[in-house]
Amino acid sequence: MNLNRRQLFRFTGAASAALLVGCDPGWWRRLWAGEPAASIPPCIVRPEQTEGPYFVDERLNRSDIRSDPADGSVKEGVPLQLLFRVHELRDNACNPLPGAMVDIWHCDALGVYAGVEDMNDLFDTSGKKFLRGYQTTDASGAAQFSTIYPGWYEGRAVHIHFKIRTQPASRRRYEFTSQIYFDEALSEQIYTQAPYSTKGPGWLRNQQDGIFRRDGGAQLMLAVTKTETGYAGTFDIGLEMT
């Protein structure tokens, strides 16, 4: 079965797990036989989305991206632990993808990005490097980040950008770029808190965002759980690299 990167698969229970048979035809049988869902490999194909104007290839190898290495300052906001689990779809199999670079970048609680001059002249943060960084996936395909819940800016729904690249020395060079979105009820709750609340109302809902609607944003939602200090979420993605 040849899976196209644009095909969108989700599983939210036993019934929808059968949609993933392209990765392993026996998964649904194992699930119905009583095998825990957590043991099913996370081969979820996601849609690509635009890189946007604010990607800067800083090559900052770090898991905690809240600080600015230029001056040691730390961005305030609700803590968010973000775990990527990256798999490769090849020859009808789903395998962890080790050694891949996972970059993430997003705005701070007030909608400001680091290291760029805003196209609308709202800010100039040249030389700043907060809320940017990459991690290399381990043997299990995992890469973990400590960040804050992103703020918002005019014209876009709440999101985090990410880019997955194989290393230049890899036998197959590959790049995948997309975005992660959030539940609006959670955003509404968080934006009543400082420092987000100082920005006031006006954030865009997901279905009002043209990129979200046009390019499969519903398949890029991050489910989060409450922790003692903030929130945590796991984002599974399967890449077809052929």
Protein backbone atom coordinates (compact mmCIF):
# COMPACT_ATOMS: atom_id res chain seq x y z
CA MET A 1 0.00 0.00 0.00
CA ASN A 2 1.55 3.30 -1.07
CA LEU A 3 0.74 6.00 1.49
CA ASN A 4 0.86 9.57 0.23
CA ARG A 5 2.10 12.24 2.63
CA ARG A 6 -1.11 14.17 2.10
CA GLN A 7 -3.30 11.26 3.21
CA LEU A 8 -4.58 12.01 6.65
CA PHE A 9 -4.98 9.24 9.19
CA ARG A 10 -6.16 9.47 12.75
CA PHE A 11 -6.99 6.91 15.34
CA THR A 12 -8.97 7.72 18.45
CA GLY A 13 -9.92 4.19 19.46
CA ALA A 14 -10.16 0.64 18.29
CA ALA A 15 -12.36 1.32 15.28
CA SER A 16 -10.20 4.03 13.76
CA ALA A 17 -7.00 2.07 14.44
CA ALA A 18 -7.92 -0.03 11.41
CA LEU A 19 -7.18 2.98 9.23
CA LEU A 20 -3.50 2.47 9.91
CA VAL A 21 -3.20 -0.94 8.32
CA GLY A 22 -0.86 0.52 5.71
CA CYS A 23 1.82 0.49 8.39
CA ASP A 24 1.18 -2.98 9.75
CA PRO A 25 -1.82 -5.04 8.59
CA GLY A 26 -1.91 -6.87 11.92
CA TRP A 27 -2.39 -3.84 14.18
CA TRP A 28 -6.15 -3.90 14.28
CA ARG A 29 -6.18 -7.64 14.97
CA ARG A 30 -3.76 -7.13 17.87
CA LEU A 31 -5.89 -4.32 19.25
CA TRP A 32 -9.12 -6.30 19.04
CA ALA A 33 -7.30 -9.24 20.63
CA GLY A 34 -6.75 -7.10 23.71
CA GLU A 35 -3.24 -5.74 23.15
CA PRO A 36 -2.92 -2.27 24.78
CA ALA A 37 -3.31 0.66 22.39
CA ALA A 38 -0.09 2.13 23.79
CA SER A 39 1.82 -0.71 22.12
CA ILE A 40 0.58 0.26 18.65
CA PRO A 41 3.35 2.14 16.77
CA PRO A 42 2.41 5.83 16.26
CA CYS A 43 2.38 5.92 12.45
CA ILE A 44 0.13 8.94 11.94
CA VAL A 45 0.63 10.73 8.63
CA ARG A 46 0.29 14.50 8.95
CA PRO A 47 -0.13 17.22 6.30
CA GLU A 48 2.66 19.63 5.47
CA GLN A 49 2.07 23.34 6.01
CA THR A 50 3.91 26.52 5.12
CA GLU A 51 7.19 27.34 6.85
CA GLY A 52 6.07 30.94 7.28
CA PRO A 53 8.25 34.05 7.38
CA TYR A 54 9.93 33.53 10.75
CA PHE A 55 12.10 30.43 10.43
CA VAL A 56 15.73 31.15 11.31
CA ASP A 57 18.16 28.24 11.07
CA GLU A 58 19.98 29.02 14.30
CA ARG A 59 21.13 25.41 14.86
CA LEU A 60 20.48 25.75 18.58
CA ASN A 61 20.83 22.22 19.94
CA ARG A 62 18.81 22.43 23.14
CA SER A 63 15.77 20.87 24.74
CA ASP A 64 14.73 23.85 26.88
CA ILE A 65 14.05 26.69 24.46
CA ARG A 66 12.61 29.20 26.90
CA SER A 67 15.82 31.16 27.46
CA ASP A 68 17.68 33.60 25.25
CA PRO A 69 21.37 32.59 25.15
CA ALA A 70 22.26 36.16 24.24
CA ASP A 71 21.41 37.53 27.69
CA GLY A 72 20.15 34.60 29.78
CA SER A 73 16.61 35.96 30.04
CA VAL A 74 13.76 33.43 30.22
CA LYS A 75 10.40 33.89 28.54
CA GLU A 76 7.44 33.87 30.89
CA GLY A 77 4.39 31.76 30.17
CA VAL A 78 2.57 28.56 31.04
CA PRO A 79 5.10 25.69 30.85
CA LEU A 80 4.59 23.20 28.02
CA GLN A 81 6.43 19.89 27.66
CA LEU A 82 6.33 18.79 24.02
CA LEU A 83 7.36 15.31 22.94
CA PHE A 84 7.73 14.36 19.26
CA ARG A 85 7.69 10.70 18.27
CA VAL A 86 8.93 10.44 14.69
CA HIS A 87 8.48 7.30 12.60
CA GLU A 88 9.25 6.40 9.01
CA LEU A 89 6.79 4.67 6.70
CA ARG A 90 8.63 2.39 4.30
CA ASP A 91 7.87 -0.97 2.67
CA ASN A 92 4.56 -1.23 4.52
CA ALA A 93 6.39 -0.94 7.84
CA CYS A 94 6.49 1.68 10.55
CA ASN A 95 9.84 2.19 12.24
CA PRO A 96 11.27 4.82 14.61
CA LEU A 97 13.40 7.40 12.82
CA PRO A 98 16.57 8.06 14.85
CA GLY A 99 19.06 10.83 14.09
CA ALA A 100 16.57 13.31 12.61
CA MET A 101 16.70 17.00 13.51
CA VAL A 102 13.42 18.32 14.92
CA ASP A 103 13.30 22.13 14.96
CA ILE A 104 10.54 24.05 16.68
CA TRP A 105 9.91 27.79 16.85
CA HIS A 106 7.00 29.93 17.95
CA CYS A 107 6.04 33.33 19.30
CA ASP A 108 6.17 34.33 22.96
CA ALA A 109 3.19 35.10 25.18
CA LEU A 110 2.73 38.47 23.48
CA GLY A 111 3.01 37.23 19.90
CA VAL A 112 6.67 38.13 19.28
CA TYR A 113 9.19 35.93 17.46
CA ALA A 114 12.93 35.97 18.10
CA GLY A 115 15.64 36.79 15.58
CA VAL A 116 13.55 38.62 12.99
CA GLU A 117 12.28 42.00 11.92
CA ASP A 118 8.51 41.79 11.73
CA MET A 119 7.05 42.27 8.26
CA ASN A 120 4.51 44.73 9.68
CA ASP A 121 7.14 46.62 11.70
CA LEU A 122 5.60 45.52 14.99
CA PHE A 123 8.94 44.37 16.45
CA ASP A 124 12.62 43.90 15.66
CA THR A 125 14.23 41.10 17.66
CA SER A 126 17.35 40.66 15.53
CA GLY A 127 19.98 38.75 17.47
CA LYS A 128 17.49 37.22 19.91
CA LYS A 129 17.09 33.44 20.05
CA PHE A 130 14.30 32.71 22.52
CA LEU A 131 11.74 29.98 21.77
CA ARG A 132 13.88 28.40 19.08
CA GLY A 133 15.84 25.17 19.10
CA TYR A 134 16.25 21.65 17.82
CA GLN A 135 16.72 18.18 19.17
CA THR A 136 17.94 15.03 17.44
CA THR A 137 15.63 12.04 17.70
CA ASP A 138 16.92 9.15 19.79
CA ALA A 139 16.80 5.44 18.96
CA SER A 140 13.05 5.42 19.61
CA GLY A 141 12.45 8.41 17.32
CA ALA A 142 11.76 10.74 20.25
CA ALA A 143 12.70 14.40 20.69
CA GLN A 144 11.55 16.41 23.70
CA PHE A 145 11.25 20.15 24.34
CA SER A 146 10.50 22.40 27.29
CA THR A 147 8.80 25.59 26.19
CA ILE A 148 5.78 27.76 27.01
CA TYR A 149 2.27 27.75 25.65
CA PRO A 150 2.46 30.03 22.59
CA GLY A 151 0.76 33.40 22.46
CA TRP A 152 -1.08 34.79 19.46
CA TYR A 153 -0.71 37.47 16.83
CA GLU A 154 -3.11 38.98 14.34
CA GLY A 155 -4.19 36.85 11.40
CA ARG A 156 -3.22 33.41 12.74
CA ALA A 157 -4.61 30.79 15.06
CA VAL A 158 -2.47 29.64 17.98
CA HIS A 159 0.33 27.42 16.66
CA ILE A 160 3.87 26.07 16.93
CA HIS A 161 6.04 25.60 13.84
CA PHE A 162 8.17 22.50 13.39
CA LYS A 163 10.60 21.16 10.82
CA ILE A 164 12.01 17.63 10.61
CA ARG A 165 15.22 17.07 8.65
CA THR A 166 17.55 14.18 8.14
CA GLN A 167 21.21 14.92 8.77
CA PRO A 168 23.26 16.07 5.74
CA ALA A 169 25.31 12.89 5.96
CA SER A 170 22.20 10.75 5.70
CA ARG A 171 21.85 8.50 2.68
CA ARG A 172 18.52 10.24 1.98
CA ARG A 173 18.16 13.95 2.58
CA TYR A 174 14.63 14.82 3.59
CA GLU A 175 12.72 17.77 5.00
CA PHE A 176 9.17 18.06 6.34
CA THR A 177 7.66 21.31 7.63
CA SER A 178 4.32 21.87 9.32
CA GLN A 179 2.56 23.38 12.34
CA ILE A 180 0.88 22.23 15.55
CA TYR A 181 -2.46 23.65 16.76
CA PHE A 182 -4.30 23.75 20.07
CA ASP A 183 -7.77 23.33 21.49
CA GLU A 184 -9.50 26.72 21.61
CA ALA A 185 -11.04 26.14 25.04
CA LEU A 186 -7.57 25.65 26.49
CA SER A 187 -6.23 28.77 24.76
CA GLU A 188 -9.15 30.79 26.07
CA GLN A 189 -8.40 29.62 29.59
CA ILE A 190 -4.68 30.29 29.38
CA TYR A 191 -5.06 33.73 27.84
CA THR A 192 -6.83 35.00 30.93
CA GLN A 193 -3.55 34.59 32.81
CA ALA A 194 -0.50 36.85 32.90
CA PRO A 195 1.49 37.58 30.83
CA TYR A 196 -0.91 36.58 28.04
CA SER A 197 -3.76 38.69 29.42
CA THR A 198 -1.86 41.95 28.89
CA LYS A 199 -2.30 41.53 25.13
CA GLY A 200 -6.07 41.66 25.40
CA PRO A 201 -8.68 39.90 23.21
CA GLY A 202 -8.51 39.27 19.48
CA TRP A 203 -6.93 35.86 18.96
CA LEU A 204 -8.12 33.91 15.94
CA ARG A 205 -10.03 30.63 16.23
CA ASN A 206 -8.77 27.64 14.28
CA GLN A 207 -11.53 27.62 11.66
CA GLN A 208 -10.96 31.33 11.02
CA ASP A 209 -7.36 30.63 10.01
CA GLY A 210 -7.00 30.09 6.26
CA ILE A 211 -3.90 27.91 6.64
CA PHE A 212 -5.62 25.72 9.22
CA ARG A 213 -8.71 25.27 7.03
CA ARG A 214 -6.95 24.81 3.71
CA ASP A 215 -4.05 22.59 4.74
CA GLY A 216 -5.48 20.03 7.14
CA GLY A 217 -5.08 21.82 10.44
CA ALA A 218 -7.57 19.50 12.10
CA GLN A 219 -5.01 16.70 11.65
CA LEU A 220 -2.33 18.73 13.42
CA MET A 221 -3.99 19.23 16.79
CA LEU A 222 -1.97 18.58 19.93
CA ALA A 223 -3.78 16.81 22.76
CA VAL A 224 -2.37 17.99 26.08
CA THR A 225 -2.68 16.89 29.67
CA LYS A 226 -2.39 18.97 32.82
CA THR A 227 0.78 18.59 34.85
CA GLU A 228 1.85 19.96 38.22
CA THR A 229 3.50 22.96 36.56
CA GLY A 230 1.69 23.37 33.25
CA TYR A 231 0.82 21.08 30.35
CA ALA A 232 2.37 18.24 28.37
CA GLY A 233 1.60 16.82 24.94
CA THR A 234 2.88 14.09 22.62
CA PHE A 235 2.87 14.58 18.86
CA ASP A 236 3.17 11.41 16.77
CA ILE A 237 4.11 11.65 13.13
CA GLY A 238 4.88 9.11 10.41
CA LEU A 239 6.95 10.30 7.43
CA GLU A 240 6.91 8.78 3.95
CA MET A 241 10.46 9.53 2.80
CA THR A 242 10.54 7.74 -0.55
